[in-house]
């Protein structure tokens, strides 16, 4: 199948799905070998595992804290960006969407990051991972609202980057990278501070090693996304298995696992020392983040 140059990835020479695939053909590609098969499954498997794990964690927390308190729904971190690792990680599966700027019948991959970056990680960090000395500060008060704004911003940048691919590929790549790097860095400020305190020897909390592993996975996610290695070193050798986007997904999945475990440990260790948000605050923040992202996608 012939594909436009903007459709092709550096170092990946074959294995592309037809640019005019029907919905049925896209479903069939789940079980046939192409360069997106493992990408899709590394979305689908975590998408089933993490909500179940988050629900189990929430039920466990509810039974141990108080019958009158509930774990915020934001307890389930959202990685992919890097996921959160990202902001990670419930990224929407790449879909074939008609490109309104392109020729009739031309379909292109849109990797919809936006709705997958609601402020779930920020809600979890605000409730359980914030430095105790920052609780009640101005930064703590505005932390989640700014995260909601960031989720809309990241969606806008992700969509905008797709319109730049053909004519300004460098700016497109920069916009797409910023779309998940900036929310991750902002959300992780409380964790970075705690890690710095741990390095300085003034903190020995048990969750810090897990937060360190999550941060390492986030870094590896970023490097795999920006470097396009190993396929650039051996074009054509990693078309189906082992290319950078698969590594990106795997690092994001592992990062999310470490993130869940770290916040779970924080919840256990810091119970009663941090104020829990109300259900209205939790669902309101998540709802606004998702609604803003979907509105931007509708416009795009």
Protein backbone atom coordinates (compact mmCIF):
# COMPACT_ATOMS: atom_id res chain seq x y z
CA UNK A 1 0.00 0.00 0.00
CA UNK A 2 1.27 3.48 -0.82
CA UNK A 3 1.30 6.06 1.94
CA UNK A 4 2.12 9.74 1.94
CA UNK A 5 5.44 10.67 3.50
CA UNK A 6 3.74 12.37 6.45
CA UNK A 7 2.00 9.09 7.24
CA UNK A 8 5.23 7.10 7.47
CA UNK A 9 7.38 6.91 10.60
CA UNK A 10 11.19 7.29 10.48
CA UNK A 11 12.87 3.89 10.32
CA UNK A 12 9.64 1.92 9.80
CA UNK A 13 9.55 0.79 6.19
CA UNK A 14 6.72 -1.75 6.05
CA UNK A 15 3.73 -3.13 7.91
CA UNK A 16 1.46 -0.10 7.59
CA UNK A 17 -2.28 -0.67 7.50
CA UNK A 18 -4.07 0.48 4.32
CA UNK A 19 -4.82 4.22 4.51
CA UNK A 20 -8.44 3.55 3.51
CA UNK A 21 -9.25 0.80 6.00
CA UNK A 22 -12.87 0.18 6.88
CA UNK A 23 -13.96 -0.32 10.48
CA UNK A 24 -14.10 -4.08 9.88
CA UNK A 25 -10.59 -4.11 8.45
CA UNK A 26 -9.31 -2.16 11.44
CA UNK A 27 -10.85 -4.75 13.77
CA UNK A 28 -9.29 -7.57 11.77
CA UNK A 29 -5.91 -5.88 12.10
CA UNK A 30 -6.07 -6.61 15.84
CA UNK A 31 -5.26 -10.22 15.02
CA UNK A 32 -3.05 -9.79 11.97
CA UNK A 33 0.59 -8.75 12.10
CA UNK A 34 1.23 -5.12 11.22
CA UNK A 35 3.23 -2.38 12.88
CA UNK A 36 0.28 -1.30 15.01
CA UNK A 37 -0.88 -4.69 16.30
CA UNK A 38 1.17 -4.67 19.51
CA UNK A 39 0.50 -0.95 19.95
CA UNK A 40 -3.22 -1.66 20.05
CA UNK A 41 -2.91 -4.54 22.50
CA UNK A 42 -0.68 -2.52 24.82
CA UNK A 43 -3.62 -0.11 25.01
CA UNK A 44 -6.38 -2.68 25.39
CA UNK A 45 -4.82 -4.87 28.08
CA UNK A 46 -3.95 -2.01 30.49
CA UNK A 47 -7.31 -0.37 29.75
CA UNK A 48 -8.94 -3.45 31.26
CA UNK A 49 -6.44 -4.04 34.04
CA UNK A 50 -6.01 -0.59 35.54
CA UNK A 51 -9.68 0.29 36.10
CA UNK A 52 -10.14 -3.08 37.80
CA UNK A 53 -7.06 -2.49 39.93
CA UNK A 54 -8.19 1.02 40.79
CA UNK A 55 -11.66 -0.21 41.79
CA UNK A 56 -10.12 -2.91 43.98
CA UNK A 57 -7.83 -0.36 45.58
CA UNK A 58 -10.71 2.01 46.18
CA UNK A 59 -12.79 -0.73 47.79
CA UNK A 60 -9.89 -1.70 50.00
CA UNK A 61 -9.34 1.90 51.02
CA UNK A 62 -13.03 2.40 51.77
CA UNK A 63 -13.12 -0.60 54.09
CA UNK A 64 -10.05 0.47 56.00
CA UNK A 65 -10.58 4.18 56.42
CA UNK A 66 -14.13 4.84 57.46
CA UNK A 67 -17.64 4.02 56.26
CA UNK A 68 -18.14 7.75 55.75
CA UNK A 69 -15.06 8.37 53.59
CA UNK A 70 -14.48 7.28 50.03
CA UNK A 71 -11.41 7.10 47.87
CA UNK A 72 -11.55 9.83 45.22
CA UNK A 73 -12.22 8.51 41.75
CA UNK A 74 -8.99 10.25 40.78
CA UNK A 75 -7.21 7.55 42.74
CA UNK A 76 -6.63 5.84 39.42
CA UNK A 77 -3.64 7.70 37.99
CA UNK A 78 -3.77 8.54 34.33
CA UNK A 79 -0.33 7.87 32.84
CA UNK A 80 0.53 8.41 29.25
CA UNK A 81 2.00 11.19 29.27
CA UNK A 82 4.18 10.15 29.93
CA UNK A 83 1.11 8.76 30.44
CA UNK A 84 0.47 10.53 32.75
CA UNK A 85 3.41 8.27 32.20
CA UNK A 86 1.68 10.81 30.04
CA UNK A 87 -0.53 11.20 32.30
CA UNK A 88 -0.16 8.03 31.48
CA UNK A 89 -1.69 6.17 30.24
CA UNK A 90 -5.37 5.91 29.38
CA UNK A 91 -4.47 7.14 25.94
CA UNK A 92 -7.20 6.64 23.41
CA UNK A 93 -6.35 4.02 20.84
CA UNK A 94 -5.19 5.45 17.52
CA UNK A 95 -8.21 5.65 15.24
CA UNK A 96 -8.61 6.12 11.52
CA UNK A 97 -10.27 9.45 11.08
CA UNK A 98 -11.03 11.37 7.93
CA UNK A 99 -8.64 14.26 7.56
CA UNK A 100 -10.74 17.30 6.75
CA UNK A 101 -7.62 19.06 5.52
CA UNK A 102 -6.62 16.23 3.24
CA UNK A 103 -7.94 14.68 0.10
CA UNK A 104 -11.32 12.90 0.03
CA UNK A 105 -11.10 9.36 1.26
CA UNK A 106 -7.72 9.85 2.90
CA UNK A 107 -7.52 8.57 6.46
CA UNK A 108 -4.80 9.29 8.94
CA UNK A 109 -3.86 8.16 12.42
CA UNK A 110 -4.97 10.45 15.20
CA UNK A 111 -3.58 9.45 18.56
CA UNK A 112 -6.07 11.13 20.82
CA UNK A 113 -4.15 11.99 23.94
CA UNK A 114 -6.44 14.69 25.25
CA UNK A 115 -9.34 12.88 26.93
CA UNK A 116 -6.78 10.54 28.42
CA UNK A 117 -5.18 13.32 30.40
CA UNK A 118 -7.88 14.42 32.76
CA UNK A 119 -6.50 15.44 36.15
CA UNK A 120 -6.62 11.93 37.63
CA UNK A 121 -2.99 11.93 38.71
CA UNK A 122 -3.29 15.43 40.15
CA UNK A 123 -6.34 14.38 42.18
CA UNK A 124 -4.50 11.35 43.56
CA UNK A 125 -1.37 13.36 44.36
CA UNK A 126 -3.37 16.17 45.95
CA UNK A 127 -5.20 13.69 48.19
CA UNK A 128 -2.31 11.41 49.16
CA UNK A 129 1.12 12.45 47.86
CA UNK A 130 1.41 16.16 48.66
CA UNK A 131 4.26 17.21 50.97
CA UNK A 132 2.75 17.72 54.40
CA UNK A 133 4.30 21.19 54.70
CA UNK A 134 2.54 22.25 51.47
CA UNK A 135 -0.95 21.18 52.54
CA UNK A 136 -3.30 24.17 52.64
CA UNK A 137 -0.87 26.40 50.74
CA UNK A 138 -1.88 28.55 47.77
CA UNK A 139 -0.18 26.07 45.45
CA UNK A 140 -2.20 23.21 46.95
CA UNK A 141 -5.44 25.18 46.55
CA UNK A 142 -4.80 25.86 42.84
CA UNK A 143 -3.04 22.58 42.03
CA UNK A 144 -6.06 20.60 40.79
CA UNK A 145 -7.76 23.53 38.95
CA UNK A 146 -4.53 24.18 37.03
CA UNK A 147 -4.29 20.45 36.24
CA UNK A 148 -7.80 20.63 34.75
CA UNK A 149 -6.70 23.55 32.59
CA UNK A 150 -3.59 21.63 31.57
CA UNK A 151 -5.69 18.68 30.40
CA UNK A 152 -7.54 20.94 27.97
CA UNK A 153 -4.29 22.54 26.86
CA UNK A 154 -2.67 19.18 26.18
CA UNK A 155 -5.66 18.10 24.10
CA UNK A 156 -5.43 21.28 22.06
CA UNK A 157 -1.72 20.82 21.46
CA UNK A 158 -2.21 17.18 20.44
CA UNK A 159 -4.88 18.10 17.90
CA UNK A 160 -2.96 21.12 16.63
CA UNK A 161 0.15 19.00 16.05
CA UNK A 162 -1.72 16.79 13.58
CA UNK A 163 -2.51 19.73 11.31
CA UNK A 164 1.20 20.61 11.17
CA UNK A 165 2.57 17.18 10.25
CA UNK A 166 2.86 17.68 6.49
CA UNK A 167 4.14 21.25 6.31
CA UNK A 168 5.95 21.76 9.64
CA UNK A 169 6.92 18.34 11.01
CA UNK A 170 9.39 19.68 13.58
CA UNK A 171 6.82 22.01 15.12
CA UNK A 172 4.29 19.16 15.03
CA UNK A 173 6.65 16.89 16.97
CA UNK A 174 7.43 19.65 19.47
CA UNK A 175 3.73 20.36 20.07
CA UNK A 176 2.93 16.69 20.53
CA UNK A 177 5.82 16.21 22.95
CA UNK A 178 4.87 19.28 24.97
CA UNK A 179 1.29 17.98 25.16
CA UNK A 180 2.31 15.18 27.52
CA UNK A 181 5.58 16.47 29.02
CA UNK A 182 4.18 19.70 30.47
CA UNK A 183 1.19 18.14 32.33
CA UNK A 184 3.45 15.40 33.67
CA UNK A 185 6.01 17.86 35.02
CA UNK A 186 3.35 20.05 36.63
CA UNK A 187 1.50 17.13 38.22
CA UNK A 188 4.76 15.69 39.53
CA UNK A 189 6.02 18.83 41.30
CA UNK A 190 4.90 17.53 44.75
CA UNK A 191 6.54 14.16 44.09
CA UNK A 192 9.75 15.73 42.78
CA UNK A 193 9.96 17.81 45.96
CA UNK A 194 9.53 14.73 48.14
CA UNK A 195 12.15 12.86 46.12
CA UNK A 196 14.59 15.74 46.59
CA UNK A 197 13.95 15.61 50.33
CA UNK A 198 14.62 11.89 50.25
CA UNK A 199 17.94 12.40 48.44
CA UNK A 200 18.88 15.02 51.03
CA UNK A 201 18.20 12.48 53.77
CA UNK A 202 15.37 14.42 55.40
CA UNK A 203 12.69 11.92 54.36
CA UNK A 204 12.58 8.13 54.39
CA UNK A 205 9.00 7.41 53.32
CA UNK A 206 8.48 3.93 51.92
CA UNK A 207 6.74 5.14 48.76
CA UNK A 208 9.72 7.16 47.51
CA UNK A 209 11.45 4.22 45.74
CA UNK A 210 8.20 3.54 43.85
CA UNK A 211 7.87 7.20 42.91
CA UNK A 212 11.50 7.05 41.70
CA UNK A 213 10.72 4.07 39.46
CA UNK A 214 7.67 5.84 38.09
CA UNK A 215 9.81 8.89 37.27
CA UNK A 216 12.42 6.67 35.59
CA UNK A 217 9.73 5.05 33.44
CA UNK A 218 8.44 8.51 32.55
CA UNK A 219 11.94 9.50 31.41
CA UNK A 220 12.28 6.33 29.32
CA UNK A 221 8.85 7.00 27.81
CA UNK A 222 9.97 10.48 26.79
CA UNK A 223 13.28 9.25 25.35
CA UNK A 224 11.66 6.47 23.32
CA UNK A 225 9.10 8.90 21.90
CA UNK A 226 11.62 11.57 20.90
CA UNK A 227 14.59 9.44 19.79
CA UNK A 228 12.74 6.94 17.53
CA UNK A 229 15.26 4.30 18.56
CA UNK A 230 16.04 1.53 17.74
CA UNK A 231 14.36 1.67 14.30
CA UNK A 232 16.45 4.65 13.19
CA UNK A 233 19.62 2.64 13.73
CA UNK A 234 18.38 -0.28 11.62
CA UNK A 235 15.53 0.83 9.34
CA UNK A 236 13.20 -2.03 8.50
CA UNK A 237 14.42 -4.35 11.28
CA UNK A 238 11.83 -3.29 13.86
CA UNK A 239 8.81 -2.71 11.66
CA UNK A 240 6.60 -5.17 13.56
CA UNK A 241 8.21 -5.85 16.93
CA UNK A 242 10.51 -3.71 19.07
CA UNK A 243 10.05 -0.25 17.57
CA UNK A 244 10.06 2.87 19.71
CA UNK A 245 6.30 3.31 19.94
CA UNK A 246 5.94 -0.15 21.47
CA UNK A 247 8.71 0.69 23.94
CA UNK A 248 6.88 3.94 24.65
CA UNK A 249 3.73 2.01 25.53
CA UNK A 250 5.52 -0.57 27.69
CA UNK A 251 7.37 2.08 29.69
CA UNK A 252 4.10 3.93 30.16
CA UNK A 253 2.37 0.77 31.39
CA UNK A 254 5.14 0.00 33.88
CA UNK A 255 5.19 3.62 35.00
CA UNK A 256 1.48 3.51 35.70
CA UNK A 257 1.88 0.34 37.74
CA UNK A 258 4.58 1.97 39.88
CA UNK A 259 2.45 5.10 40.18
CA UNK A 260 -0.55 3.13 41.44
CA UNK A 261 1.58 1.26 43.96
CA UNK A 262 3.26 4.46 45.16
CA UNK A 263 -0.01 6.31 45.70
CA UNK A 264 -1.48 3.23 47.37
CA UNK A 265 1.42 3.19 49.83
CA UNK A 266 1.06 6.93 50.40
CA UNK A 267 -2.61 6.37 51.14
CA UNK A 268 -1.74 3.74 53.74
CA UNK A 269 1.09 5.71 55.38
CA UNK A 270 -0.53 9.15 55.37
CA UNK A 271 -4.08 8.22 56.29
CA UNK A 272 -5.63 10.95 58.40
CA UNK A 273 -2.82 13.46 57.79
CA UNK A 274 -4.08 14.82 54.46
CA UNK A 275 -7.61 16.16 53.84
CA UNK A 276 -9.60 14.07 51.36
CA UNK A 277 -11.50 15.95 48.65
CA UNK A 278 -15.25 15.63 48.53
CA UNK A 279 -16.99 13.57 45.85
CA UNK A 280 -18.21 16.82 44.28
CA UNK A 281 -14.65 18.14 43.99
CA UNK A 282 -13.42 14.86 42.55
CA UNK A 283 -16.16 14.24 39.99
CA UNK A 284 -16.39 17.95 39.19
CA UNK A 285 -12.68 18.18 38.35
CA UNK A 286 -12.71 14.99 36.29
CA UNK A 287 -15.89 16.02 34.51
CA UNK A 288 -14.58 19.46 33.59
CA UNK A 289 -11.32 17.98 32.30
CA UNK A 290 -13.03 15.41 30.12
CA UNK A 291 -15.71 17.85 28.90
CA UNK A 292 -13.11 20.43 27.89
CA UNK A 293 -11.06 17.82 26.04
CA UNK A 294 -14.07 16.43 24.20
CA UNK A 295 -15.17 19.94 23.23
CA UNK A 296 -11.75 20.62 21.72
CA UNK A 297 -11.84 17.30 19.85
CA UNK A 298 -15.28 18.18 18.51
CA UNK A 299 -13.96 21.48 17.17
CA UNK A 300 -10.95 19.78 15.59
